[in-house]
């Protein structure tokens, strides 16, 4: 527990020195790519009608956006976990009526859609930061699962070709192929 407090204090005070102020080239290209897909709808991700809850999705999107405002890797993962939990809860609310629990088949497309809509400015910088400075003992269990789900959503978007949208420019394809490896680390 003492290690966690020390790490929190150190990361809180050093965040502005070790977390880049400006997005990386990869971040920037991904941000602009997602911005070009802003008109995509839940139908593009085959999100079932019964899994949709726009009001709860707004809350989850806000949690994803809060990642930029917190300093420590654990705080960032907590934001991701909160967003993921809202997604699961919104699906569970409708699944209970049908007598079944929400699963990854329902939550993954929603999470992908929300990452697209949140359009994070520094997603790869954030992933690399978390990977470099998180304490392994600190993010096991649900936090680790939620963080993996976010990385999976980013990876999916990297390789996604939306219907009726022209192919991604060659420069963006190169960026996305390169960063796919970085997001998986």
C-alpha atoms as a PDB file:
ATOM      1  CA  UNK A   1       0.000   0.000   0.000  1.00  0.00           C
ATOM      2  CA  UNK A   2       2.912   2.337   0.763  1.00  0.00           C
ATOM      3  CA  UNK A   3       4.323   1.717  -2.736  1.00  0.00           C
ATOM      4  CA  UNK A   4       1.020   2.831  -4.242  1.00  0.00           C
ATOM      5  CA  UNK A   5       1.026   6.062  -2.233  1.00  0.00           C
ATOM      6  CA  UNK A   6       4.619   6.820  -3.202  1.00  0.00           C
ATOM      7  CA  UNK A   7       3.946   6.096  -6.869  1.00  0.00           C
ATOM      8  CA  UNK A   8       0.803   8.235  -6.803  1.00  0.00           C
ATOM      9  CA  UNK A   9       2.711  11.144  -5.259  1.00  0.00           C
ATOM     10  CA  UNK A  10       5.633  10.824  -7.688  1.00  0.00           C
ATOM     11  CA  UNK A  11       3.449  10.448 -10.790  1.00  0.00           C
ATOM     12  CA  UNK A  12       1.197  13.320  -9.731  1.00  0.00           C
ATOM     13  CA  UNK A  13       4.203  15.611  -9.393  1.00  0.00           C
ATOM     14  CA  UNK A  14       6.137  14.404 -12.428  1.00  0.00           C
ATOM     15  CA  UNK A  15       3.219  13.973 -14.832  1.00  0.00           C
ATOM     16  CA  UNK A  16       3.745  17.299 -16.585  1.00  0.00           C
ATOM     17  CA  UNK A  17       7.420  16.455 -17.120  1.00  0.00           C
ATOM     18  CA  UNK A  18       7.056  12.897 -18.417  1.00  0.00           C
ATOM     19  CA  UNK A  19       3.689  12.960 -20.189  1.00  0.00           C
ATOM     20  CA  UNK A  20       4.062  14.861 -23.468  1.00  0.00           C
ATOM     21  CA  UNK A  21       2.075  18.084 -23.734  1.00  0.00           C
ATOM     22  CA  UNK A  22       1.427  17.678 -27.433  1.00  0.00           C
ATOM     23  CA  UNK A  23       0.072  14.579 -29.150  1.00  0.00           C
ATOM     24  CA  UNK A  24       2.483  12.354 -31.054  1.00  0.00           C
ATOM     25  CA  UNK A  25       2.257  12.081 -34.827  1.00  0.00           C
ATOM     26  CA  UNK A  26       0.479   8.733 -34.388  1.00  0.00           C
ATOM     27  CA  UNK A  27      -1.990  10.297 -31.951  1.00  0.00           C
ATOM     28  CA  UNK A  28      -2.630  13.173 -34.318  1.00  0.00           C
ATOM     29  CA  UNK A  29      -3.228  10.953 -37.348  1.00  0.00           C
ATOM     30  CA  UNK A  30      -5.554   8.662 -35.399  1.00  0.00           C
ATOM     31  CA  UNK A  31      -7.436  11.646 -33.977  1.00  0.00           C
ATOM     32  CA  UNK A  32      -8.004  13.043 -37.476  1.00  0.00           C
ATOM     33  CA  UNK A  33      -8.943   9.629 -38.822  1.00  0.00           C
ATOM     34  CA  UNK A  34     -11.612   9.185 -36.146  1.00  0.00           C
ATOM     35  CA  UNK A  35     -12.770  12.749 -36.697  1.00  0.00           C
ATOM     36  CA  UNK A  36     -13.442  11.837 -40.320  1.00  0.00           C
ATOM     37  CA  UNK A  37     -15.704   9.057 -39.087  1.00  0.00           C
ATOM     38  CA  UNK A  38     -17.762  11.282 -36.782  1.00  0.00           C
ATOM     39  CA  UNK A  39     -20.902  10.633 -38.810  1.00  0.00           C
ATOM     40  CA  UNK A  40     -20.832   6.877 -38.176  1.00  0.00           C
ATOM     41  CA  UNK A  41     -23.774   5.516 -36.239  1.00  0.00           C
ATOM     42  CA  UNK A  42     -24.351   2.493 -33.994  1.00  0.00           C
ATOM     43  CA  UNK A  43     -25.617   0.645 -37.073  1.00  0.00           C
ATOM     44  CA  UNK A  44     -22.111   0.749 -38.571  1.00  0.00           C
ATOM     45  CA  UNK A  45     -20.924  -1.292 -35.582  1.00  0.00           C
ATOM     46  CA  UNK A  46     -23.933  -3.622 -35.565  1.00  0.00           C
ATOM     47  CA  UNK A  47     -24.967  -2.505 -32.094  1.00  0.00           C
ATOM     48  CA  UNK A  48     -28.288  -4.091 -31.272  1.00  0.00           C
ATOM     49  CA  UNK A  49     -31.188  -1.730 -30.702  1.00  0.00           C
ATOM     50  CA  UNK A  50     -31.805  -3.177 -27.234  1.00  0.00           C
ATOM     51  CA  UNK A  51     -28.196  -2.398 -26.248  1.00  0.00           C
ATOM     52  CA  UNK A  52     -28.513   1.309 -26.975  1.00  0.00           C
ATOM     53  CA  UNK A  53     -28.808   3.904 -24.262  1.00  0.00           C
ATOM     54  CA  UNK A  54     -27.638   7.309 -25.474  1.00  0.00           C
ATOM     55  CA  UNK A  55     -27.845   8.962 -22.050  1.00  0.00           C
ATOM     56  CA  UNK A  56     -25.637   6.383 -20.368  1.00  0.00           C
ATOM     57  CA  UNK A  57     -23.319   6.447 -23.377  1.00  0.00           C
ATOM     58  CA  UNK A  58     -22.797  10.175 -22.805  1.00  0.00           C
ATOM     59  CA  UNK A  59     -21.644   9.401 -19.258  1.00  0.00           C
ATOM     60  CA  UNK A  60     -19.265   6.703 -20.514  1.00  0.00           C
ATOM     61  CA  UNK A  61     -17.901   9.081 -23.160  1.00  0.00           C
ATOM     62  CA  UNK A  62     -17.230  11.686 -20.441  1.00  0.00           C
ATOM     63  CA  UNK A  63     -15.283   9.087 -18.444  1.00  0.00           C
ATOM     64  CA  UNK A  64     -13.176   8.346 -21.537  1.00  0.00           C
ATOM     65  CA  UNK A  65     -12.548  12.074 -21.976  1.00  0.00           C
ATOM     66  CA  UNK A  66     -11.461  12.404 -18.315  1.00  0.00           C
ATOM     67  CA  UNK A  67      -8.395  10.280 -19.048  1.00  0.00           C
ATOM     68  CA  UNK A  68      -6.728  13.444 -20.373  1.00  0.00           C
ATOM     69  CA  UNK A  69      -7.305  15.243 -17.064  1.00  0.00           C
ATOM     70  CA  UNK A  70      -5.792  12.751 -14.628  1.00  0.00           C
ATOM     71  CA  UNK A  71      -2.122  12.105 -13.968  1.00  0.00           C
ATOM     72  CA  UNK A  72      -1.335   8.614 -12.759  1.00  0.00           C
ATOM     73  CA  UNK A  73      -1.631   5.413 -14.778  1.00  0.00           C
ATOM     74  CA  UNK A  74      -4.007   4.035 -12.167  1.00  0.00           C
ATOM     75  CA  UNK A  75      -6.261   7.105 -12.415  1.00  0.00           C
ATOM     76  CA  UNK A  76      -6.344   6.728 -16.196  1.00  0.00           C
ATOM     77  CA  UNK A  77      -7.228   3.049 -15.878  1.00  0.00           C
ATOM     78  CA  UNK A  78      -9.917   3.972 -13.334  1.00  0.00           C
ATOM     79  CA  UNK A  79     -11.485   6.270 -15.949  1.00  0.00           C
ATOM     80  CA  UNK A  80     -11.381   3.473 -18.529  1.00  0.00           C
ATOM     81  CA  UNK A  81     -12.888   1.051 -16.006  1.00  0.00           C
ATOM     82  CA  UNK A  82     -15.687   3.459 -15.139  1.00  0.00           C
ATOM     83  CA  UNK A  83     -16.533   3.947 -18.828  1.00  0.00           C
ATOM     84  CA  UNK A  84     -16.523   0.208 -19.418  1.00  0.00           C
ATOM     85  CA  UNK A  85     -18.705  -0.413 -16.358  1.00  0.00           C
ATOM     86  CA  UNK A  86     -21.260   2.131 -17.595  1.00  0.00           C
ATOM     87  CA  UNK A  87     -21.370   0.325 -20.948  1.00  0.00           C
ATOM     88  CA  UNK A  88     -21.926  -3.035 -19.256  1.00  0.00           C
ATOM     89  CA  UNK A  89     -24.537  -1.600 -16.886  1.00  0.00           C
ATOM     90  CA  UNK A  90     -26.444   0.015 -19.761  1.00  0.00           C
ATOM     91  CA  UNK A  91     -26.538  -3.299 -21.616  1.00  0.00           C
ATOM     92  CA  UNK A  92     -27.403  -5.275 -18.478  1.00  0.00           C
ATOM     93  CA  UNK A  93     -30.416  -3.030 -17.886  1.00  0.00           C
ATOM     94  CA  UNK A  94     -31.905  -4.230 -21.148  1.00  0.00           C
ATOM     95  CA  UNK A  95     -30.563  -7.789 -21.034  1.00  0.00           C
ATOM     96  CA  UNK A  96     -32.302  -8.515 -17.731  1.00  0.00           C
ATOM     97  CA  UNK A  97     -35.614  -7.996 -19.483  1.00  0.00           C
ATOM     98  CA  UNK A  98     -34.660 -10.737 -21.916  1.00  0.00           C
ATOM     99  CA  UNK A  99     -33.393 -13.055 -19.175  1.00  0.00           C
ATOM    100  CA  UNK A 100     -29.726 -13.016 -20.207  1.00  0.00           C
ATOM    101  CA  UNK A 101     -26.623 -11.227 -18.992  1.00  0.00           C
ATOM    102  CA  UNK A 102     -24.564  -8.869 -21.117  1.00  0.00           C
ATOM    103  CA  UNK A 103     -21.474 -10.343 -22.695  1.00  0.00           C
ATOM    104  CA  UNK A 104     -18.477  -9.183 -24.700  1.00  0.00           C
ATOM    105  CA  UNK A 105     -20.446  -9.657 -27.929  1.00  0.00           C
ATOM    106  CA  UNK A 106     -22.715  -6.833 -26.781  1.00  0.00           C
ATOM    107  CA  UNK A 107     -20.273  -4.606 -24.891  1.00  0.00           C
ATOM    108  CA  UNK A 108     -17.337  -4.617 -27.335  1.00  0.00           C
ATOM    109  CA  UNK A 109     -19.131  -2.895 -30.246  1.00  0.00           C
ATOM    110  CA  UNK A 110     -20.517  -0.272 -27.865  1.00  0.00           C
ATOM    111  CA  UNK A 111     -17.062   0.393 -26.396  1.00  0.00           C
ATOM    112  CA  UNK A 112     -15.559   0.696 -29.894  1.00  0.00           C
ATOM    113  CA  UNK A 113     -18.292   3.147 -30.878  1.00  0.00           C
ATOM    114  CA  UNK A 114     -17.717   5.222 -27.736  1.00  0.00           C
ATOM    115  CA  UNK A 115     -13.952   5.375 -28.267  1.00  0.00           C
ATOM    116  CA  UNK A 116     -14.702   6.637 -31.774  1.00  0.00           C
ATOM    117  CA  UNK A 117     -17.115   9.264 -30.440  1.00  0.00           C
ATOM    118  CA  UNK A 118     -14.774  10.334 -27.606  1.00  0.00           C
ATOM    119  CA  UNK A 119     -12.001  10.667 -30.220  1.00  0.00           C
ATOM    120  CA  UNK A 120      -9.140  10.811 -27.705  1.00  0.00           C
ATOM    121  CA  UNK A 121      -6.378  13.235 -28.657  1.00  0.00           C
ATOM    122  CA  UNK A 122      -3.499  11.215 -27.189  1.00  0.00           C
ATOM    123  CA  UNK A 123      -4.598   7.596 -27.057  1.00  0.00           C
ATOM    124  CA  UNK A 124      -1.253   6.048 -28.054  1.00  0.00           C
ATOM    125  CA  UNK A 125       0.718   8.367 -25.802  1.00  0.00           C
ATOM    126  CA  UNK A 126      -1.644   7.409 -22.979  1.00  0.00           C
ATOM    127  CA  UNK A 127      -1.354   3.674 -23.654  1.00  0.00           C
ATOM    128  CA  UNK A 128       2.439   3.893 -23.780  1.00  0.00           C
ATOM    129  CA  UNK A 129       2.461   5.980 -20.575  1.00  0.00           C
ATOM    130  CA  UNK A 130       0.281   3.477 -18.748  1.00  0.00           C
ATOM    131  CA  UNK A 131       2.368   0.549 -19.961  1.00  0.00           C
ATOM    132  CA  UNK A 132       5.591   2.251 -18.887  1.00  0.00           C
ATOM    133  CA  UNK A 133       4.542   3.441 -15.430  1.00  0.00           C
ATOM    134  CA  UNK A 134       1.745   1.256 -14.082  1.00  0.00           C
ATOM    135  CA  UNK A 135       2.409  -1.032 -11.181  1.00  0.00           C
ATOM    136  CA  UNK A 136       1.630  -4.599 -12.243  1.00  0.00           C
ATOM    137  CA  UNK A 137       0.226  -5.475  -8.852  1.00  0.00           C
ATOM    138  CA  UNK A 138      -2.110  -2.484  -8.935  1.00  0.00           C
ATOM    139  CA  UNK A 139      -4.176  -3.155 -12.078  1.00  0.00           C
ATOM    140  CA  UNK A 140      -5.069  -6.783 -11.925  1.00  0.00           C
ATOM    141  CA  UNK A 141      -8.602  -8.073 -12.204  1.00  0.00           C
ATOM    142  CA  UNK A 142     -11.318  -5.839 -13.575  1.00  0.00           C
ATOM    143  CA  UNK A 143      -8.993  -2.858 -14.122  1.00  0.00           C
ATOM    144  CA  UNK A 144      -6.699  -4.953 -16.287  1.00  0.00           C
ATOM    145  CA  UNK A 145      -9.690  -6.377 -18.166  1.00  0.00           C
ATOM    146  CA  UNK A 146     -11.131  -2.917 -18.854  1.00  0.00           C
ATOM    147  CA  UNK A 147      -7.756  -1.574 -19.954  1.00  0.00           C
ATOM    148  CA  UNK A 148      -7.370  -4.543 -22.324  1.00  0.00           C
ATOM    149  CA  UNK A 149     -10.863  -3.858 -23.687  1.00  0.00           C
ATOM    150  CA  UNK A 150      -9.890  -0.233 -24.440  1.00  0.00           C
ATOM    151  CA  UNK A 151      -6.741  -1.374 -26.233  1.00  0.00           C
ATOM    152  CA  UNK A 152      -8.838  -3.886 -28.164  1.00  0.00           C
ATOM    153  CA  UNK A 153     -11.264  -1.120 -29.201  1.00  0.00           C
ATOM    154  CA  UNK A 154      -8.363   1.044 -30.401  1.00  0.00           C
ATOM    155  CA  UNK A 155      -6.881  -1.880 -32.317  1.00  0.00           C
ATOM    156  CA  UNK A 156     -10.243  -2.554 -33.955  1.00  0.00           C
ATOM    157  CA  UNK A 157     -10.554   1.078 -35.032  1.00  0.00           C
ATOM    158  CA  UNK A 158      -7.029   0.987 -36.432  1.00  0.00           C
ATOM    159  CA  UNK A 159      -8.053  -1.796 -38.781  1.00  0.00           C
ATOM    160  CA  UNK A 160     -11.636  -0.702 -39.412  1.00  0.00           C
ATOM    161  CA  UNK A 161     -12.781   0.267 -42.888  1.00  0.00           C
ATOM    162  CA  UNK A 162     -16.178   1.894 -42.539  1.00  0.00           C
ATOM    163  CA  UNK A 163     -18.731   1.255 -45.256  1.00  0.00           C
ATOM    164  CA  UNK A 164     -19.170   4.052 -47.791  1.00  0.00           C
ATOM    165  CA  UNK A 165     -16.009   5.820 -46.667  1.00  0.00           C
ATOM    166  CA  UNK A 166     -13.015   5.933 -49.009  1.00  0.00           C
ATOM    167  CA  UNK A 167      -9.881   4.020 -48.085  1.00  0.00           C
ATOM    168  CA  UNK A 168      -7.574   5.507 -45.499  1.00  0.00           C
ATOM    169  CA  UNK A 169      -4.690   7.547 -46.906  1.00  0.00           C
ATOM    170  CA  UNK A 170      -1.384   5.668 -47.203  1.00  0.00           C
ATOM    171  CA  UNK A 171       0.265   7.760 -44.464  1.00  0.00           C
ATOM    172  CA  UNK A 172      -2.525   6.970 -42.032  1.00  0.00           C
ATOM    173  CA  UNK A 173      -2.383   3.260 -42.940  1.00  0.00           C
ATOM    174  CA  UNK A 174       1.331   3.216 -42.138  1.00  0.00           C
ATOM    175  CA  UNK A 175       0.676   4.967 -38.827  1.00  0.00           C
ATOM    176  CA  UNK A 176      -2.105   2.577 -37.919  1.00  0.00           C
ATOM    177  CA  UNK A 177      -0.128  -0.541 -38.783  1.00  0.00           C
ATOM    178  CA  UNK A 178       2.825   0.688 -36.724  1.00  0.00           C
ATOM    179  CA  UNK A 179       0.744   1.671 -33.721  1.00  0.00           C
ATOM    180  CA  UNK A 180      -1.185  -1.584 -33.678  1.00  0.00           C
ATOM    181  CA  UNK A 181       1.939  -3.221 -32.268  1.00  0.00           C
ATOM    182  CA  UNK A 182       2.392  -0.416 -29.709  1.00  0.00           C
ATOM    183  CA  UNK A 183      -1.206  -0.721 -28.475  1.00  0.00           C
ATOM    184  CA  UNK A 184      -0.804  -4.444 -27.908  1.00  0.00           C
ATOM    185  CA  UNK A 185       2.266  -4.118 -25.673  1.00  0.00           C
END
